[in-house]
Amino acid sequence: MNSKKLAAEKAVEFIEDGMTVGLGTGSTAYWAIQKIGERIKEGLSIQAAASSVGSEDLAKQLGIPLIPLANLDLIDITIDGADEVDNNLNLIKGGGGALLREKIIASNSKKFIVIIDESKQVDQLGRFRLSVEIVPFASNLTINKLRELECDPQVRSLNNKPYITDNGNLIIDCDFGKIPNPEALNGQINLIPGVVENGLFIQMASLVVVGFNDGAVKAYPGQSART
């Protein structure tokens, strides 16, 4: 049973004709984009904005109409995955390397639906390393400042080279251990010069849809739905 796919397909049910839809990035968002492509073939009429080059390419392959971000004022629904979700529906995202674009799109959405499998539910964030996007200039100094927050920062690599985001930046994966106050840590990280954004999504989810290995799907409402 593919619990990620179950959660993704449930989330796509919230999309209606005429909506502008934000497309997430990663292994769970992949299933949502696939399902949206199926609904497009069945007659669904929407336009979409992608959070990464990879998701944009997939959308094009599936015939999903894309709108330039420069032409957007507000997104109706964004569907995306998460690396962790705590009991307050705070998230850690960034495993796919698109956290900055994902956060921009999510924060400009009327409804942000997060899709996960049951393994991503945690009592407290921090089991998954927290991704921080930083500019390459003097990156060693920025990393030193992150280390002062009592974490173990590691430069993400791909094929033995530093991983470069779609924005031309570096990703630093930081092991903080358990994060008792994600809101405070979010502020501390983003005050460091050289940091562009981090993967803490605080009280941004409108709905978290969880797929379970036994085939069940449950939805947990958040407090961030925009009116």
N, C-alpha and C. Protein backbone atom coordinates (compact mmCIF):
# COMPACT_ATOMS: atom_id res chain seq x y z
N MET A 1 0.85 -1.20 0.00
CA MET A 1 0.00 0.00 0.00
C MET A 1 0.88 1.24 0.00
N ASN A 2 0.72 2.12 -1.00
CA ASN A 2 1.52 3.34 -1.10
C ASN A 2 0.80 4.45 -0.33
N SER A 3 1.21 4.65 0.92
CA SER A 3 0.51 5.61 1.78
C SER A 3 0.73 7.05 1.32
N LYS A 4 1.89 7.34 0.72
CA LYS A 4 2.12 8.68 0.18
C LYS A 4 1.13 8.99 -0.94
N LYS A 5 0.94 8.02 -1.81
CA LYS A 5 0.02 8.20 -2.93
C LYS A 5 -1.40 8.38 -2.44
N LEU A 6 -1.80 7.63 -1.43
CA LEU A 6 -3.15 7.76 -0.86
C LEU A 6 -3.39 9.17 -0.34
N ALA A 7 -2.41 9.70 0.41
CA ALA A 7 -2.55 11.05 0.96
C ALA A 7 -2.61 12.08 -0.16
N ALA A 8 -1.76 11.91 -1.17
CA ALA A 8 -1.72 12.87 -2.27
C ALA A 8 -3.04 12.90 -3.03
N GLU A 9 -3.58 11.71 -3.32
CA GLU A 9 -4.81 11.65 -4.10
C GLU A 9 -6.00 12.23 -3.32
N LYS A 10 -5.99 12.05 -2.00
CA LYS A 10 -7.04 12.65 -1.18
C LYS A 10 -6.95 14.17 -1.24
N ALA A 11 -5.73 14.71 -1.16
CA ALA A 11 -5.55 16.16 -1.17
C ALA A 11 -6.00 16.78 -2.48
N VAL A 12 -5.76 16.08 -3.58
CA VAL A 12 -6.12 16.62 -4.90
C VAL A 12 -7.63 16.76 -5.05
N GLU A 13 -8.41 16.03 -4.23
CA GLU A 13 -9.86 16.14 -4.28
C GLU A 13 -10.34 17.55 -3.93
N PHE A 14 -9.52 18.33 -3.26
CA PHE A 14 -9.91 19.68 -2.86
C PHE A 14 -9.77 20.69 -3.99
N ILE A 15 -9.14 20.30 -5.09
CA ILE A 15 -8.94 21.21 -6.22
C ILE A 15 -10.21 21.28 -7.06
N GLU A 16 -10.61 22.50 -7.40
CA GLU A 16 -11.82 22.73 -8.19
C GLU A 16 -11.49 23.52 -9.46
N ASP A 17 -12.39 23.45 -10.42
CA ASP A 17 -12.23 24.20 -11.67
C ASP A 17 -11.97 25.69 -11.39
N GLY A 18 -11.07 26.26 -12.18
CA GLY A 18 -10.79 27.69 -12.09
C GLY A 18 -9.75 28.07 -11.07
N MET A 19 -9.26 27.10 -10.29
CA MET A 19 -8.28 27.40 -9.26
C MET A 19 -6.87 27.58 -9.83
N THR A 20 -6.09 28.36 -9.08
CA THR A 20 -4.64 28.40 -9.29
C THR A 20 -4.02 27.52 -8.21
N VAL A 21 -3.20 26.56 -8.63
CA VAL A 21 -2.70 25.52 -7.73
C VAL A 21 -1.17 25.58 -7.64
N GLY A 22 -0.65 25.58 -6.42
CA GLY A 22 0.79 25.51 -6.20
C GLY A 22 1.23 24.06 -6.15
N LEU A 23 2.27 23.74 -6.90
CA LEU A 23 2.79 22.38 -6.96
C LEU A 23 4.04 22.26 -6.11
N GLY A 24 4.02 21.33 -5.15
CA GLY A 24 5.17 21.12 -4.29
C GLY A 24 6.28 20.35 -4.97
N THR A 25 7.25 19.96 -4.16
CA THR A 25 8.43 19.26 -4.65
C THR A 25 8.72 18.07 -3.74
N GLY A 26 9.17 16.96 -4.33
CA GLY A 26 9.56 15.81 -3.54
C GLY A 26 8.76 14.57 -3.88
N SER A 27 9.06 13.48 -3.16
CA SER A 27 8.50 12.17 -3.51
C SER A 27 7.00 12.08 -3.27
N THR A 28 6.48 12.81 -2.29
CA THR A 28 5.04 12.78 -2.03
C THR A 28 4.30 13.74 -2.95
N ALA A 29 4.87 14.93 -3.15
CA ALA A 29 4.27 15.89 -4.07
C ALA A 29 4.20 15.32 -5.49
N TYR A 30 5.14 14.45 -5.82
CA TYR A 30 5.14 13.80 -7.14
C TYR A 30 3.79 13.13 -7.41
N TRP A 31 3.26 12.43 -6.40
CA TRP A 31 1.99 11.72 -6.59
C TRP A 31 0.84 12.69 -6.75
N ALA A 32 0.91 13.82 -6.07
CA ALA A 32 -0.14 14.83 -6.24
C ALA A 32 -0.13 15.39 -7.65
N ILE A 33 1.05 15.67 -8.16
CA ILE A 33 1.16 16.21 -9.52
C ILE A 33 0.66 15.19 -10.53
N GLN A 34 0.99 13.91 -10.31
CA GLN A 34 0.50 12.86 -11.20
C GLN A 34 -1.03 12.84 -11.21
N LYS A 35 -1.64 12.94 -10.02
CA LYS A 35 -3.10 12.88 -9.94
C LYS A 35 -3.72 14.12 -10.58
N ILE A 36 -3.10 15.27 -10.40
CA ILE A 36 -3.61 16.48 -11.04
C ILE A 36 -3.57 16.31 -12.55
N GLY A 37 -2.48 15.71 -13.06
CA GLY A 37 -2.40 15.45 -14.49
C GLY A 37 -3.53 14.56 -14.98
N GLU A 38 -3.89 13.54 -14.18
CA GLU A 38 -5.01 12.67 -14.54
C GLU A 38 -6.32 13.46 -14.60
N ARG A 39 -6.52 14.33 -13.61
CA ARG A 39 -7.76 15.11 -13.57
C ARG A 39 -7.82 16.13 -14.71
N ILE A 40 -6.67 16.63 -15.12
CA ILE A 40 -6.63 17.53 -16.29
C ILE A 40 -7.14 16.79 -17.52
N LYS A 41 -6.70 15.55 -17.69
CA LYS A 41 -7.15 14.76 -18.84
C LYS A 41 -8.65 14.46 -18.78
N GLU A 42 -9.19 14.44 -17.55
CA GLU A 42 -10.62 14.18 -17.37
C GLU A 42 -11.46 15.44 -17.50
N GLY A 43 -10.79 16.59 -17.69
CA GLY A 43 -11.53 17.82 -17.92
C GLY A 43 -11.35 18.92 -16.89
N LEU A 44 -10.56 18.70 -15.84
CA LEU A 44 -10.32 19.74 -14.84
C LEU A 44 -9.62 20.93 -15.50
N SER A 45 -10.11 22.13 -15.19
CA SER A 45 -9.54 23.35 -15.76
C SER A 45 -8.91 24.19 -14.66
N ILE A 46 -7.57 24.19 -14.61
CA ILE A 46 -6.84 24.96 -13.61
C ILE A 46 -5.60 25.56 -14.26
N GLN A 47 -4.89 26.36 -13.48
CA GLN A 47 -3.54 26.77 -13.83
C GLN A 47 -2.67 26.53 -12.60
N ALA A 48 -1.39 26.29 -12.83
CA ALA A 48 -0.53 25.88 -11.73
C ALA A 48 0.77 26.66 -11.72
N ALA A 49 1.38 26.72 -10.54
CA ALA A 49 2.70 27.32 -10.34
C ALA A 49 3.57 26.31 -9.62
N ALA A 50 4.77 26.09 -10.11
CA ALA A 50 5.64 25.05 -9.56
C ALA A 50 6.69 25.65 -8.62
N SER A 51 7.05 24.85 -7.60
CA SER A 51 8.02 25.30 -6.61
C SER A 51 9.46 24.91 -6.94
N SER A 52 9.66 24.19 -8.04
CA SER A 52 11.01 23.78 -8.43
C SER A 52 11.03 23.50 -9.92
N VAL A 53 12.24 23.47 -10.46
CA VAL A 53 12.41 23.14 -11.87
C VAL A 53 11.91 21.72 -12.14
N GLY A 54 12.19 20.79 -11.20
CA GLY A 54 11.77 19.41 -11.36
C GLY A 54 10.26 19.27 -11.44
N SER A 55 9.55 19.96 -10.54
CA SER A 55 8.09 19.89 -10.55
C SER A 55 7.52 20.58 -11.79
N GLU A 56 8.17 21.64 -12.23
CA GLU A 56 7.73 22.32 -13.45
C GLU A 56 7.86 21.39 -14.65
N ASP A 57 8.98 20.69 -14.74
CA ASP A 57 9.18 19.77 -15.86
C ASP A 57 8.15 18.65 -15.85
N LEU A 58 7.86 18.11 -14.65
CA LEU A 58 6.87 17.05 -14.55
C LEU A 58 5.49 17.55 -14.96
N ALA A 59 5.15 18.76 -14.53
CA ALA A 59 3.84 19.33 -14.88
C ALA A 59 3.71 19.49 -16.39
N LYS A 60 4.77 19.93 -17.03
CA LYS A 60 4.74 20.09 -18.48
C LYS A 60 4.53 18.75 -19.17
N GLN A 61 5.20 17.71 -18.67
CA GLN A 61 5.05 16.38 -19.26
C GLN A 61 3.62 15.87 -19.15
N LEU A 62 2.93 16.27 -18.08
CA LEU A 62 1.57 15.79 -17.83
C LEU A 62 0.49 16.70 -18.40
N GLY A 63 0.91 17.76 -19.06
CA GLY A 63 -0.06 18.66 -19.68
C GLY A 63 -0.76 19.59 -18.70
N ILE A 64 -0.14 19.87 -17.56
CA ILE A 64 -0.73 20.78 -16.59
C ILE A 64 -0.37 22.22 -16.98
N PRO A 65 -1.35 23.08 -17.21
CA PRO A 65 -1.06 24.47 -17.63
C PRO A 65 -0.33 25.23 -16.52
N LEU A 66 0.78 25.86 -16.86
CA LEU A 66 1.57 26.60 -15.89
C LEU A 66 1.43 28.10 -16.13
N ILE A 67 1.41 28.84 -15.04
CA ILE A 67 1.34 30.29 -15.11
C ILE A 67 2.63 30.86 -14.54
N PRO A 68 3.23 31.87 -15.18
CA PRO A 68 4.44 32.48 -14.63
C PRO A 68 4.16 33.09 -13.25
N LEU A 69 5.09 32.90 -12.32
CA LEU A 69 4.89 33.42 -10.98
C LEU A 69 4.73 34.94 -10.99
N ALA A 70 5.34 35.60 -11.97
CA ALA A 70 5.22 37.06 -12.06
C ALA A 70 3.79 37.50 -12.32
N ASN A 71 2.97 36.60 -12.81
CA ASN A 71 1.56 36.92 -13.11
C ASN A 71 0.62 36.57 -11.98
N LEU A 72 1.16 36.12 -10.86
CA LEU A 72 0.32 35.66 -9.75
C LEU A 72 0.20 36.71 -8.65
N ASP A 73 -1.00 36.81 -8.10
CA ASP A 73 -1.21 37.61 -6.90
C ASP A 73 -1.47 36.71 -5.69
N LEU A 74 -2.22 35.63 -5.92
CA LEU A 74 -2.58 34.73 -4.83
C LEU A 74 -2.86 33.34 -5.40
N ILE A 75 -2.51 32.32 -4.65
CA ILE A 75 -2.71 30.94 -5.06
C ILE A 75 -3.86 30.37 -4.23
N ASP A 76 -4.75 29.62 -4.88
CA ASP A 76 -5.89 29.07 -4.15
C ASP A 76 -5.49 27.93 -3.23
N ILE A 77 -4.78 26.95 -3.77
CA ILE A 77 -4.36 25.77 -3.00
C ILE A 77 -2.94 25.39 -3.39
N THR A 78 -2.11 25.13 -2.40
CA THR A 78 -0.81 24.51 -2.63
C THR A 78 -0.79 23.16 -1.93
N ILE A 79 -0.31 22.15 -2.65
CA ILE A 79 -0.19 20.80 -2.09
C ILE A 79 1.28 20.42 -2.09
N ASP A 80 1.79 20.05 -0.93
CA ASP A 80 3.21 19.72 -0.82
C ASP A 80 3.42 18.73 0.31
N GLY A 81 4.57 18.06 0.29
CA GLY A 81 4.91 17.11 1.33
C GLY A 81 5.68 17.77 2.47
N ALA A 82 6.13 16.96 3.42
CA ALA A 82 6.94 17.45 4.53
C ALA A 82 7.83 16.32 5.03
N ASP A 83 8.94 16.69 5.62
CA ASP A 83 9.85 15.69 6.19
C ASP A 83 9.44 15.30 7.60
N GLU A 84 8.81 16.24 8.30
CA GLU A 84 8.28 15.98 9.64
C GLU A 84 7.09 16.89 9.90
N VAL A 85 6.14 16.40 10.69
CA VAL A 85 5.01 17.21 11.15
C VAL A 85 4.82 16.91 12.63
N ASP A 86 4.79 17.97 13.46
CA ASP A 86 4.62 17.73 14.90
C ASP A 86 3.15 17.83 15.29
N ASN A 87 2.88 17.70 16.58
CA ASN A 87 1.50 17.68 17.06
C ASN A 87 0.77 19.01 16.87
N ASN A 88 1.53 20.10 16.70
CA ASN A 88 0.94 21.42 16.46
C ASN A 88 0.88 21.76 14.97
N LEU A 89 1.18 20.77 14.13
CA LEU A 89 1.20 20.91 12.67
C LEU A 89 2.26 21.89 12.18
N ASN A 90 3.33 22.03 12.97
CA ASN A 90 4.54 22.68 12.46
C ASN A 90 5.30 21.67 11.63
N LEU A 91 6.06 22.15 10.65
CA LEU A 91 6.72 21.27 9.70
C LEU A 91 8.21 21.49 9.65
N ILE A 92 8.93 20.43 9.27
CA ILE A 92 10.26 20.56 8.71
C ILE A 92 10.17 20.14 7.26
N LYS A 93 10.63 21.03 6.37
CA LYS A 93 10.69 20.76 4.94
C LYS A 93 12.10 21.08 4.44
N GLY A 94 12.40 20.64 3.24
CA GLY A 94 13.69 20.98 2.67
C GLY A 94 14.50 19.80 2.20
N GLY A 95 13.99 18.58 2.46
CA GLY A 95 14.72 17.40 2.01
C GLY A 95 14.90 17.36 0.51
N GLY A 96 13.96 17.97 -0.22
CA GLY A 96 14.04 18.02 -1.68
C GLY A 96 14.84 19.20 -2.20
N GLY A 97 15.31 20.06 -1.29
CA GLY A 97 16.16 21.17 -1.69
C GLY A 97 15.45 22.38 -2.23
N ALA A 98 14.12 22.46 -2.08
CA ALA A 98 13.35 23.57 -2.66
C ALA A 98 12.63 24.39 -1.59
N LEU A 99 13.17 24.42 -0.37
CA LEU A 99 12.44 24.99 0.75
C LEU A 99 12.10 26.47 0.57
N LEU A 100 12.98 27.25 -0.03
CA LEU A 100 12.71 28.68 -0.20
C LEU A 100 11.52 28.89 -1.11
N ARG A 101 11.55 28.28 -2.29
CA ARG A 101 10.44 28.45 -3.23
C ARG A 101 9.15 27.85 -2.66
N GLU A 102 9.28 26.72 -1.95
CA GLU A 102 8.09 26.11 -1.35
C GLU A 102 7.46 27.04 -0.32
N LYS A 103 8.30 27.70 0.47
CA LYS A 103 7.76 28.58 1.51
C LYS A 103 7.14 29.83 0.91
N ILE A 104 7.73 30.36 -0.15
CA ILE A 104 7.15 31.53 -0.81
C ILE A 104 5.76 31.19 -1.35
N ILE A 105 5.66 30.05 -2.04
CA ILE A 105 4.38 29.66 -2.63
C ILE A 105 3.36 29.34 -1.54
N ALA A 106 3.77 28.59 -0.51
CA ALA A 106 2.84 28.23 0.56
C ALA A 106 2.31 29.46 1.29
N SER A 107 3.18 30.42 1.54
CA SER A 107 2.77 31.61 2.30
C SER A 107 1.87 32.53 1.51
N ASN A 108 1.80 32.33 0.21
CA ASN A 108 0.92 33.14 -0.63
C ASN A 108 -0.26 32.33 -1.14
N SER A 109 -0.65 31.29 -0.39
CA SER A 109 -1.76 30.42 -0.76
C SER A 109 -2.91 30.57 0.23
N LYS A 110 -4.13 30.57 -0.29
CA LYS A 110 -5.29 30.60 0.59
C LYS A 110 -5.34 29.35 1.47
N LYS A 111 -4.97 28.21 0.87
CA LYS A 111 -4.98 26.95 1.60
C LYS A 111 -3.70 26.18 1.28
N PHE A 112 -3.00 25.75 2.31
CA PHE A 112 -1.76 24.98 2.16
C PHE A 112 -2.00 23.59 2.72
N ILE A 113 -2.11 22.61 1.83
CA ILE A 113 -2.39 21.23 2.22
C ILE A 113 -1.09 20.44 2.22
N VAL A 114 -0.77 19.85 3.35
CA VAL A 114 0.46 19.07 3.51
C VAL A 114 0.12 17.59 3.47
N ILE A 115 0.86 16.84 2.67
CA ILE A 115 0.59 15.41 2.50
C ILE A 115 1.79 14.61 2.97
N ILE A 116 1.55 13.61 3.84
CA ILE A 116 2.63 12.81 4.39
C ILE A 116 2.15 11.37 4.58
N ASP A 117 3.10 10.46 4.79
CA ASP A 117 2.74 9.14 5.29
C ASP A 117 2.95 9.14 6.80
N GLU A 118 2.47 8.12 7.44
CA GLU A 118 2.43 8.11 8.91
C GLU A 118 3.82 8.19 9.56
N SER A 119 4.86 7.80 8.84
CA SER A 119 6.21 7.82 9.41
C SER A 119 6.72 9.23 9.65
N LYS A 120 6.07 10.23 9.03
CA LYS A 120 6.53 11.62 9.16
C LYS A 120 5.91 12.34 10.36
N GLN A 121 5.01 11.67 11.07
CA GLN A 121 4.41 12.27 12.26
C GLN A 121 5.35 12.12 13.46
N VAL A 122 5.61 13.22 14.16
CA VAL A 122 6.49 13.20 15.34
C VAL A 122 5.86 14.03 16.45
N ASP A 123 6.22 13.69 17.68
CA ASP A 123 5.75 14.50 18.81
C ASP A 123 6.46 15.85 18.84
N GLN A 124 7.74 15.83 18.47
CA GLN A 124 8.55 17.05 18.50
C GLN A 124 9.49 17.03 17.30
N LEU A 125 9.62 18.17 16.63
CA LEU A 125 10.48 18.24 15.47
C LEU A 125 11.95 18.03 15.84
N GLY A 126 12.74 17.57 14.86
CA GLY A 126 14.18 17.49 15.07
C GLY A 126 14.80 16.15 14.76
N ARG A 127 14.00 15.13 14.53
CA ARG A 127 14.57 13.84 14.13
C ARG A 127 15.22 13.95 12.76
N PHE A 128 14.61 14.75 11.89
CA PHE A 128 15.13 15.01 10.54
C PHE A 128 15.99 16.26 10.60
N ARG A 129 17.13 16.24 9.93
CA ARG A 129 17.99 17.43 9.91
C ARG A 129 17.24 18.62 9.29
N LEU A 130 17.44 19.79 9.87
CA LEU A 130 16.79 21.01 9.39
C LEU A 130 17.64 21.64 8.29
N SER A 131 17.03 21.82 7.13
CA SER A 131 17.74 22.40 5.99
C SER A 131 17.70 23.92 6.07
N VAL A 132 18.85 24.53 5.82
CA VAL A 132 18.97 25.98 5.80
C VAL A 132 19.62 26.38 4.49
N GLU A 133 18.96 27.26 3.75
CA GLU A 133 19.51 27.72 2.48
C GLU A 133 20.33 28.98 2.73
N ILE A 134 21.58 28.98 2.27
CA ILE A 134 22.45 30.13 2.49
C ILE A 134 23.10 30.56 1.17
N VAL A 135 23.53 31.82 1.11
CA VAL A 135 24.23 32.28 -0.08
C VAL A 135 25.66 31.73 -0.06
N PRO A 136 26.25 31.49 -1.23
CA PRO A 136 27.61 30.92 -1.27
C PRO A 136 28.68 31.86 -0.72
N PHE A 137 28.48 33.17 -0.82
CA PHE A 137 29.50 34.13 -0.38
C PHE A 137 29.81 33.96 1.10
N ALA A 138 31.08 33.77 1.42
CA ALA A 138 31.53 33.62 2.82
C ALA A 138 30.70 32.59 3.56
N SER A 139 30.40 31.49 2.87
CA SER A 139 29.52 30.48 3.47
C SER A 139 30.09 29.91 4.76
N ASN A 140 31.42 29.86 4.86
CA ASN A 140 32.04 29.34 6.09
C ASN A 140 31.66 30.19 7.30
N LEU A 141 31.54 31.50 7.11
CA LEU A 141 31.18 32.38 8.22
C LEU A 141 29.72 32.17 8.62
N THR A 142 28.86 32.01 7.64
CA THR A 142 27.45 31.75 7.93
C THR A 142 27.30 30.41 8.65
N ILE A 143 28.05 29.41 8.22
CA ILE A 143 27.99 28.09 8.86
C ILE A 143 28.47 28.18 10.31
N ASN A 144 29.50 29.00 10.56
CA ASN A 144 29.98 29.19 11.93
C ASN A 144 28.87 29.77 12.82
N LYS A 145 28.10 30.71 12.27
CA LYS A 145 27.00 31.30 13.04
C LYS A 145 25.91 30.27 13.32
N LEU A 146 25.65 29.41 12.36
CA LEU A 146 24.68 28.34 12.59
C LEU A 146 25.17 27.41 13.69
N ARG A 147 26.46 27.11 13.68
CA ARG A 147 27.03 26.23 14.69
C ARG A 147 26.88 26.82 16.09
N GLU A 148 26.90 28.15 16.18
CA GLU A 148 26.74 28.81 17.48
C GLU A 148 25.35 28.58 18.07
N LEU A 149 24.41 28.15 17.24
CA LEU A 149 23.07 27.82 17.73
C LEU A 149 23.00 26.38 18.25
N GLU A 150 24.17 25.77 18.42
CA GLU A 150 24.29 24.43 19.00
C GLU A 150 23.70 23.36 18.10
N CYS A 151 24.15 23.37 16.86
CA CYS A 151 23.77 22.32 15.93
C CYS A 151 25.01 21.79 15.24
N ASP A 152 24.85 20.69 14.55
CA ASP A 152 25.91 20.12 13.72
C ASP A 152 25.55 20.41 12.26
N PRO A 153 26.18 21.44 11.64
CA PRO A 153 25.83 21.80 10.26
C PRO A 153 26.69 21.06 9.25
N GLN A 154 26.06 20.53 8.22
CA GLN A 154 26.78 19.85 7.15
C GLN A 154 26.33 20.39 5.80
N VAL A 155 27.30 20.68 4.94
CA VAL A 155 26.99 21.15 3.59
C VAL A 155 26.44 19.97 2.78
N ARG A 156 25.24 20.15 2.23
CA ARG A 156 24.67 19.08 1.42
C ARG A 156 25.47 18.93 0.13
N SER A 157 25.70 17.69 -0.26
CA SER A 157 26.46 17.43 -1.49
C SER A 157 25.66 16.52 -2.42
N LEU A 158 26.01 16.58 -3.68
CA LEU A 158 25.42 15.73 -4.70
C LEU A 158 26.53 15.38 -5.69
N ASN A 159 26.76 14.09 -5.86
CA ASN A 159 27.84 13.62 -6.75
C ASN A 159 29.19 14.21 -6.35
N ASN A 160 29.43 14.22 -5.04
CA ASN A 160 30.69 14.70 -4.47
C ASN A 160 30.95 16.18 -4.70
N LYS A 161 29.90 16.93 -4.99
CA LYS A 161 30.01 18.38 -5.13
C LYS A 161 28.92 19.03 -4.29
N PRO A 162 29.14 20.27 -3.83
CA PRO A 162 28.08 20.94 -3.07
C PRO A 162 26.79 21.01 -3.87
N TYR A 163 25.67 20.67 -3.22
CA TYR A 163 24.37 20.75 -3.86
C TYR A 163 24.00 22.22 -4.04
N ILE A 164 23.58 22.58 -5.26
CA ILE A 164 23.19 23.95 -5.56
C ILE A 164 21.70 23.99 -5.82
N THR A 165 21.00 24.89 -5.12
CA THR A 165 19.55 25.00 -5.28
C THR A 165 19.20 25.65 -6.62
N ASP A 166 17.91 25.65 -6.94
CA ASP A 166 17.45 26.32 -8.15
C ASP A 166 17.72 27.82 -8.10
N ASN A 167 17.99 28.33 -6.89
CA ASN A 167 18.28 29.75 -6.72
C ASN A 167 19.78 30.04 -6.71
N GLY A 168 20.61 29.01 -6.91
CA GLY A 168 22.05 29.19 -6.93
C GLY A 168 22.69 29.24 -5.56
N ASN A 169 21.99 28.75 -4.55
CA ASN A 169 22.48 28.79 -3.18
C ASN A 169 22.90 27.41 -2.68
N LEU A 170 23.46 27.38 -1.46
CA LEU A 170 23.85 26.14 -0.80
C LEU A 170 22.77 25.72 0.19
N ILE A 171 22.72 24.42 0.47
CA ILE A 171 21.87 23.90 1.55
C ILE A 171 22.77 23.37 2.66
N ILE A 172 22.52 23.84 3.87
CA ILE A 172 23.21 23.33 5.04
C ILE A 172 22.22 22.53 5.86
N ASP A 173 22.49 21.25 6.05
CA ASP A 173 21.61 20.38 6.82
C ASP A 173 22.10 20.35 8.27
N CYS A 174 21.26 20.84 9.17
CA CYS A 174 21.66 21.08 10.56
C CYS A 174 20.96 20.11 11.51
N ASP A 175 21.76 19.42 12.30
CA ASP A 175 21.23 18.51 13.31
C ASP A 175 21.13 19.26 14.63
N PHE A 176 19.91 19.63 15.02
CA PHE A 176 19.67 20.32 16.28
C PHE A 176 19.24 19.36 17.38
N GLY A 177 19.04 18.10 17.04
CA GLY A 177 18.37 17.22 17.99
C GLY A 177 16.92 17.67 18.11
N LYS A 178 16.28 17.40 19.22
CA LYS A 178 14.88 17.81 19.39
C LYS A 178 14.78 19.34 19.44
N ILE A 179 13.72 19.85 18.83
CA ILE A 179 13.49 21.30 18.74
C ILE A 179 12.26 21.64 19.58
N PRO A 180 12.45 22.05 20.83
CA PRO A 180 11.30 22.31 21.70
C PRO A 180 10.53 23.56 21.35
N ASN A 181 11.21 24.54 20.71
CA ASN A 181 10.56 25.80 20.37
C ASN A 181 10.90 26.17 18.93
N PRO A 182 10.20 25.56 17.97
CA PRO A 182 10.53 25.80 16.56
C PRO A 182 10.33 27.25 16.14
N GLU A 183 9.36 27.93 16.73
CA GLU A 183 9.12 29.33 16.35
C GLU A 183 10.32 30.21 16.71
N ALA A 184 10.87 30.01 17.90
CA ALA A 184 12.03 30.79 18.32
C ALA A 184 13.26 30.46 17.46
N LEU A 185 13.46 29.18 17.18
CA LEU A 185 14.61 28.79 16.37
C LEU A 185 14.50 29.35 14.95
N ASN A 186 13.30 29.36 14.41
CA ASN A 186 13.07 29.92 13.09
C ASN A 186 13.55 31.37 13.04
N GLY A 187 13.21 32.14 14.05
CA GLY A 187 13.64 33.54 14.10
C GLY A 187 15.13 33.68 14.26
N GLN A 188 15.75 32.86 15.11
CA GLN A 188 17.19 32.94 15.33
C GLN A 188 17.98 32.64 14.05
N ILE A 189 17.55 31.63 13.33
CA ILE A 189 18.25 31.24 12.11
C ILE A 189 18.14 32.34 11.06
N ASN A 190 16.95 32.87 10.87
CA ASN A 190 16.73 33.84 9.80
C ASN A 190 17.33 35.20 10.10
N LEU A 191 17.78 35.43 11.32
CA LEU A 191 18.47 36.68 11.65
C LEU A 191 19.96 36.63 11.29
N ILE A 192 20.46 35.45 10.94
CA ILE A 192 21.89 35.32 10.60
C ILE A 192 22.12 35.87 9.20
N PRO A 193 23.00 36.87 9.03
CA PRO A 193 23.32 37.35 7.68
C PRO A 193 23.93 36.21 6.84
N GLY A 194 23.43 36.07 5.63
CA GLY A 194 23.87 34.97 4.77
C GLY A 194 22.84 33.87 4.66
N VAL A 195 21.95 33.78 5.65
CA VAL A 195 20.84 32.82 5.57
C VAL A 195 19.74 33.41 4.70
N VAL A 196 19.28 32.62 3.76
CA VAL A 196 18.17 33.05 2.89
C VAL A 196 16.84 32.61 3.50
N GLU A 197 16.76 31.35 3.91
CA GLU A 197 15.54 30.81 4.52
C GLU A 197 15.86 29.46 5.13
N ASN A 198 14.99 28.99 6.01
CA ASN A 198 15.18 27.67 6.61
C ASN A 198 13.91 26.84 6.46
N GLY A 199 14.00 25.55 6.76
CA GLY A 199 12.92 24.62 6.50
C GLY A 199 11.89 24.47 7.59
N LEU A 200 11.86 25.37 8.57
CA LEU A 200 10.79 25.35 9.56
C LEU A 200 9.58 26.10 9.00
N PHE A 201 8.46 25.41 8.90
CA PHE A 201 7.20 26.01 8.46
C PHE A 201 6.29 26.06 9.69
N ILE A 202 6.17 27.25 10.28
CA ILE A 202 5.49 27.39 11.56
C ILE A 202 4.04 27.79 11.36
N GLN A 203 3.12 26.92 11.78
CA GLN A 203 1.68 27.21 11.72
C GLN A 203 1.25 27.70 10.34
N MET A 204 1.78 27.07 9.30
CA MET A 204 1.44 27.44 7.93
C MET A 204 0.44 26.47 7.30
N ALA A 205 0.36 25.26 7.81
CA ALA A 205 -0.50 24.24 7.19
C ALA A 205 -1.97 24.50 7.50
N SER A 206 -2.77 24.51 6.44
CA SER A 206 -4.22 24.60 6.62
C SER A 206 -4.81 23.24 6.92
N LEU A 207 -4.19 22.21 6.35
CA LEU A 207 -4.68 20.84 6.49
C LEU A 207 -3.49 19.90 6.30
N VAL A 208 -3.38 18.89 7.15
CA VAL A 208 -2.38 17.84 6.98
C VAL A 208 -3.11 16.54 6.70
N VAL A 209 -2.82 15.94 5.55
CA VAL A 209 -3.45 14.69 5.14
C VAL A 209 -2.42 13.58 5.30
N VAL A 210 -2.76 12.56 6.09
CA VAL A 210 -1.83 11.49 6.42
C VAL A 210 -2.32 10.17 5.82
N GLY A 211 -1.44 9.52 5.09
CA GLY A 211 -1.73 8.19 4.58
C GLY A 211 -1.12 7.13 5.48
N PHE A 212 -1.87 6.07 5.77
CA PHE A 212 -1.41 5.03 6.66
C PHE A 212 -1.18 3.73 5.89
N ASN A 213 -0.31 2.90 6.43
CA ASN A 213 0.06 1.66 5.74
C ASN A 213 -1.12 0.70 5.58
N ASP A 214 -2.13 0.84 6.45
CA ASP A 214 -3.30 -0.05 6.35
C ASP A 214 -4.33 0.44 5.35
N GLY A 215 -4.01 1.55 4.64
CA GLY A 215 -4.90 2.08 3.63
C GLY A 215 -5.79 3.22 4.10
N ALA A 216 -5.75 3.53 5.38
CA ALA A 216 -6.55 4.63 5.91
C ALA A 216 -5.92 5.97 5.54
N VAL A 217 -6.76 6.99 5.46
CA VAL A 217 -6.31 8.36 5.23
C VAL A 217 -7.02 9.26 6.23
N LYS A 218 -6.26 10.07 6.94
CA LYS A 218 -6.86 11.00 7.91
C LYS A 218 -6.39 12.41 7.62
N ALA A 219 -7.27 13.38 7.88
CA ALA A 219 -6.97 14.79 7.66
C ALA A 219 -7.07 15.56 8.98
N TYR A 220 -6.06 16.37 9.24
CA TYR A 220 -6.00 17.15 10.49
C TYR A 220 -5.98 18.64 10.13
N PRO A 221 -7.01 19.41 10.52
CA PRO A 221 -7.05 20.82 10.16
C PRO A 221 -6.07 21.64 10.97
N GLY A 222 -5.43 22.63 10.30
CA GLY A 222 -4.57 23.56 10.97
C GLY A 222 -5.32 24.85 11.26
N GLN A 223 -4.57 25.88 11.61
CA GLN A 223 -5.19 27.14 12.01
C GLN A 223 -4.82 28.29 11.07
N SER A 224 -4.29 27.94 9.88
CA SER A 224 -3.74 29.00 9.04
C SER A 224 -4.53 29.27 7.77
N ALA A 225 -5.72 28.69 7.63
CA ALA A 225 -6.49 28.92 6.41
C ALA A 225 -6.83 30.39 6.27
N ARG A 226 -6.54 30.95 5.10
CA ARG A 226 -6.80 32.36 4.85
C ARG A 226 -8.22 32.54 4.35
N THR A 227 -8.84 33.63 4.76
CA THR A 227 -10.20 33.93 4.32
C THR A 227 -10.20 34.97 3.23
